[in-house]
Amino acid sequence: MRTTIDLPDALFRRTKAVAALRGSSMKDLIVRAIERELVAKSGNQAKPSQRAKFPVVHLRSGREIDLADFDFDDLLA
């Protein structure tokens, strides 16, 4: 469904910048934000298949680094 919304200029610029940094479109960013808001308001938990998955990094040597079990909190310590 197509719709039109009016965003304040500053919010539009921030949304566009965040989408670009994530390699996403504004549409995808807005849809995900609305979905998160609706799930939070309804009290439903996201299904495991909808959770973000960490990427597998492919190195030039052909090896792969799977970040699924990496503890990112260690970086902050």
N, C-alpha and C. Protein backbone atom coordinates (compact mmCIF):
# COMPACT_ATOMS: atom_id res chain seq x y z
N MET A 1 0.85 -1.17 0.00
CA MET A 1 0.00 0.00 0.00
C MET A 1 0.89 1.22 0.00
N ARG A 2 0.56 2.19 -0.76
CA ARG A 2 1.31 3.43 -0.85
C ARG A 2 0.59 4.49 -0.02
N THR A 3 1.39 5.27 0.72
CA THR A 3 0.83 6.35 1.52
C THR A 3 1.82 7.52 1.54
N THR A 4 1.37 8.64 1.96
CA THR A 4 2.22 9.83 2.05
C THR A 4 2.23 10.30 3.50
N ILE A 5 3.42 10.61 4.00
CA ILE A 5 3.53 11.17 5.34
C ILE A 5 4.39 12.42 5.27
N ASP A 6 4.14 13.34 6.18
CA ASP A 6 4.94 14.56 6.27
C ASP A 6 5.89 14.40 7.45
N LEU A 7 7.19 14.50 7.17
CA LEU A 7 8.20 14.42 8.21
C LEU A 7 8.84 15.79 8.37
N PRO A 8 9.16 16.16 9.60
CA PRO A 8 9.94 17.39 9.77
C PRO A 8 11.27 17.25 9.01
N ASP A 9 11.78 18.35 8.49
CA ASP A 9 12.99 18.31 7.68
C ASP A 9 14.15 17.62 8.38
N ALA A 10 14.37 17.94 9.64
CA ALA A 10 15.49 17.34 10.38
C ALA A 10 15.33 15.83 10.51
N LEU A 11 14.11 15.37 10.77
CA LEU A 11 13.86 13.93 10.88
C LEU A 11 14.06 13.24 9.54
N PHE A 12 13.61 13.88 8.47
CA PHE A 12 13.81 13.32 7.13
C PHE A 12 15.30 13.14 6.84
N ARG A 13 16.10 14.17 7.11
CA ARG A 13 17.54 14.10 6.84
C ARG A 13 18.20 13.00 7.68
N ARG A 14 17.84 12.91 8.95
CA ARG A 14 18.42 11.87 9.82
C ARG A 14 18.02 10.49 9.34
N THR A 15 16.77 10.32 8.96
CA THR A 15 16.28 9.03 8.48
C THR A 15 17.02 8.62 7.21
N LYS A 16 17.16 9.55 6.30
CA LYS A 16 17.86 9.27 5.05
C LYS A 16 19.32 8.91 5.30
N ALA A 17 19.96 9.62 6.23
CA ALA A 17 21.36 9.34 6.54
C ALA A 17 21.54 7.98 7.20
N VAL A 18 20.68 7.65 8.15
CA VAL A 18 20.78 6.35 8.82
C VAL A 18 20.54 5.22 7.82
N ALA A 19 19.55 5.37 6.97
CA ALA A 19 19.28 4.34 5.96
C ALA A 19 20.49 4.16 5.05
N ALA A 20 21.10 5.24 4.64
CA ALA A 20 22.27 5.16 3.76
C ALA A 20 23.43 4.47 4.47
N LEU A 21 23.66 4.81 5.73
CA LEU A 21 24.74 4.17 6.48
C LEU A 21 24.53 2.67 6.64
N ARG A 22 23.28 2.27 6.72
CA ARG A 22 22.95 0.84 6.86
C ARG A 22 22.84 0.14 5.52
N GLY A 23 22.99 0.89 4.44
CA GLY A 23 22.86 0.28 3.11
C GLY A 23 21.44 -0.14 2.82
N SER A 24 20.50 0.62 3.33
CA SER A 24 19.08 0.31 3.22
C SER A 24 18.37 1.49 2.58
N SER A 25 17.12 1.29 2.24
CA SER A 25 16.32 2.39 1.73
C SER A 25 15.55 3.02 2.89
N MET A 26 15.10 4.24 2.69
CA MET A 26 14.28 4.89 3.70
C MET A 26 13.01 4.08 3.95
N LYS A 27 12.44 3.56 2.89
CA LYS A 27 11.22 2.77 3.02
C LYS A 27 11.44 1.59 3.95
N ASP A 28 12.54 0.84 3.73
CA ASP A 28 12.81 -0.33 4.58
C ASP A 28 13.03 0.08 6.03
N LEU A 29 13.75 1.18 6.24
CA LEU A 29 14.01 1.66 7.59
C LEU A 29 12.71 2.03 8.29
N ILE A 30 11.84 2.74 7.60
CA ILE A 30 10.57 3.17 8.18
C ILE A 30 9.66 1.98 8.46
N VAL A 31 9.60 1.03 7.53
CA VAL A 31 8.77 -0.16 7.73
C VAL A 31 9.24 -0.93 8.95
N ARG A 32 10.56 -1.13 9.09
CA ARG A 32 11.08 -1.86 10.25
C ARG A 32 10.78 -1.12 11.55
N ALA A 33 10.91 0.20 11.53
CA ALA A 33 10.63 0.99 12.74
C ALA A 33 9.16 0.87 13.14
N ILE A 34 8.27 0.92 12.18
CA ILE A 34 6.84 0.78 12.47
C ILE A 34 6.54 -0.61 13.00
N GLU A 35 7.13 -1.64 12.38
CA GLU A 35 6.91 -3.01 12.84
C GLU A 35 7.38 -3.17 14.29
N ARG A 36 8.58 -2.63 14.62
CA ARG A 36 9.08 -2.72 15.99
C ARG A 36 8.13 -2.01 16.95
N GLU A 37 7.64 -0.86 16.57
CA GLU A 37 6.72 -0.10 17.42
C GLU A 37 5.44 -0.89 17.67
N LEU A 38 4.90 -1.50 16.64
CA LEU A 38 3.66 -2.26 16.79
C LEU A 38 3.86 -3.50 17.64
N VAL A 39 5.00 -4.16 17.49
CA VAL A 39 5.29 -5.34 18.31
C VAL A 39 5.45 -4.93 19.76
N ALA A 40 6.15 -3.82 20.01
CA ALA A 40 6.37 -3.35 21.37
C ALA A 40 5.04 -2.97 22.03
N LYS A 41 4.17 -2.32 21.30
CA LYS A 41 2.89 -1.88 21.86
C LYS A 41 1.95 -3.05 22.12
N SER A 42 2.04 -4.10 21.29
CA SER A 42 1.14 -5.23 21.46
C SER A 42 1.65 -6.22 22.50
N GLY A 43 2.92 -6.06 22.90
CA GLY A 43 3.47 -6.96 23.91
C GLY A 43 3.95 -8.27 23.33
N ASN A 44 3.84 -8.45 22.02
CA ASN A 44 4.32 -9.68 21.39
C ASN A 44 5.83 -9.65 21.27
N GLN A 45 6.42 -10.81 21.39
CA GLN A 45 7.85 -10.94 21.19
C GLN A 45 8.12 -11.24 19.72
N ALA A 46 9.24 -10.75 19.22
CA ALA A 46 9.62 -11.05 17.84
C ALA A 46 9.93 -12.53 17.72
N LYS A 47 9.54 -13.13 16.62
CA LYS A 47 9.84 -14.53 16.37
C LYS A 47 11.34 -14.67 16.13
N PRO A 48 11.90 -15.81 16.50
CA PRO A 48 13.34 -15.99 16.30
C PRO A 48 13.78 -15.80 14.85
N SER A 49 12.93 -16.13 13.89
CA SER A 49 13.30 -15.97 12.49
C SER A 49 13.37 -14.49 12.08
N GLN A 50 12.79 -13.60 12.90
CA GLN A 50 12.81 -12.19 12.59
C GLN A 50 13.98 -11.47 13.26
N ARG A 51 14.75 -12.18 14.08
CA ARG A 51 15.87 -11.57 14.77
C ARG A 51 17.01 -11.33 13.80
N ALA A 52 17.75 -10.30 14.09
CA ALA A 52 18.91 -9.99 13.24
C ALA A 52 19.96 -11.07 13.41
N LYS A 53 20.58 -11.42 12.31
CA LYS A 53 21.64 -12.41 12.33
C LYS A 53 22.96 -11.69 12.07
N PHE A 54 23.99 -12.08 12.81
CA PHE A 54 25.29 -11.49 12.57
C PHE A 54 25.85 -12.01 11.26
N PRO A 55 26.60 -11.20 10.57
CA PRO A 55 27.10 -11.62 9.27
C PRO A 55 28.25 -12.60 9.39
N VAL A 56 28.42 -13.34 8.32
CA VAL A 56 29.61 -14.16 8.16
C VAL A 56 30.54 -13.35 7.29
N VAL A 57 31.74 -13.10 7.78
CA VAL A 57 32.71 -12.29 7.06
C VAL A 57 33.58 -13.21 6.22
N HIS A 58 33.65 -12.94 4.93
CA HIS A 58 34.47 -13.74 4.02
C HIS A 58 35.80 -13.03 3.81
N LEU A 59 36.88 -13.70 4.16
CA LEU A 59 38.21 -13.13 4.02
C LEU A 59 38.78 -13.47 2.65
N ARG A 60 39.75 -12.69 2.21
CA ARG A 60 40.38 -12.94 0.91
C ARG A 60 41.03 -14.31 0.84
N SER A 61 41.48 -14.81 1.97
CA SER A 61 42.14 -16.12 1.99
C SER A 61 41.15 -17.27 1.81
N GLY A 62 39.87 -16.94 1.79
CA GLY A 62 38.85 -17.98 1.63
C GLY A 62 38.23 -18.42 2.95
N ARG A 63 38.87 -18.02 4.07
CA ARG A 63 38.32 -18.38 5.37
C ARG A 63 37.09 -17.54 5.67
N GLU A 64 36.28 -18.01 6.59
CA GLU A 64 35.09 -17.28 7.02
C GLU A 64 35.18 -17.03 8.52
N ILE A 65 34.67 -15.90 8.95
CA ILE A 65 34.56 -15.60 10.38
C ILE A 65 33.08 -15.48 10.68
N ASP A 66 32.58 -16.36 11.53
CA ASP A 66 31.18 -16.35 11.93
C ASP A 66 31.08 -15.58 13.25
N LEU A 67 30.36 -14.46 13.26
CA LEU A 67 30.27 -13.61 14.44
C LEU A 67 29.07 -13.95 15.33
N ALA A 68 28.40 -15.06 15.07
CA ALA A 68 27.18 -15.40 15.81
C ALA A 68 27.45 -15.57 17.30
N ASP A 69 28.59 -16.13 17.68
CA ASP A 69 28.88 -16.38 19.09
C ASP A 69 29.83 -15.35 19.70
N PHE A 70 30.13 -14.31 18.97
CA PHE A 70 31.06 -13.30 19.45
C PHE A 70 30.39 -12.44 20.51
N ASP A 71 31.07 -12.19 21.61
CA ASP A 71 30.54 -11.36 22.70
C ASP A 71 31.00 -9.92 22.50
N PHE A 72 30.15 -9.10 21.91
CA PHE A 72 30.50 -7.72 21.61
C PHE A 72 30.69 -6.88 22.88
N ASP A 73 30.17 -7.33 24.00
CA ASP A 73 30.37 -6.62 25.27
C ASP A 73 31.84 -6.59 25.65
N ASP A 74 32.61 -7.59 25.21
CA ASP A 74 34.05 -7.61 25.50
C ASP A 74 34.75 -6.39 24.89
N LEU A 75 34.21 -5.86 23.82
CA LEU A 75 34.83 -4.70 23.17
C LEU A 75 34.70 -3.46 24.04
N LEU A 76 33.70 -3.41 24.88
CA LEU A 76 33.45 -2.25 25.71
C LEU A 76 34.22 -2.28 27.01
N ALA A 77 34.74 -3.44 27.36
CA ALA A 77 35.46 -3.60 28.65
C ALA A 77 36.84 -3.02 28.60
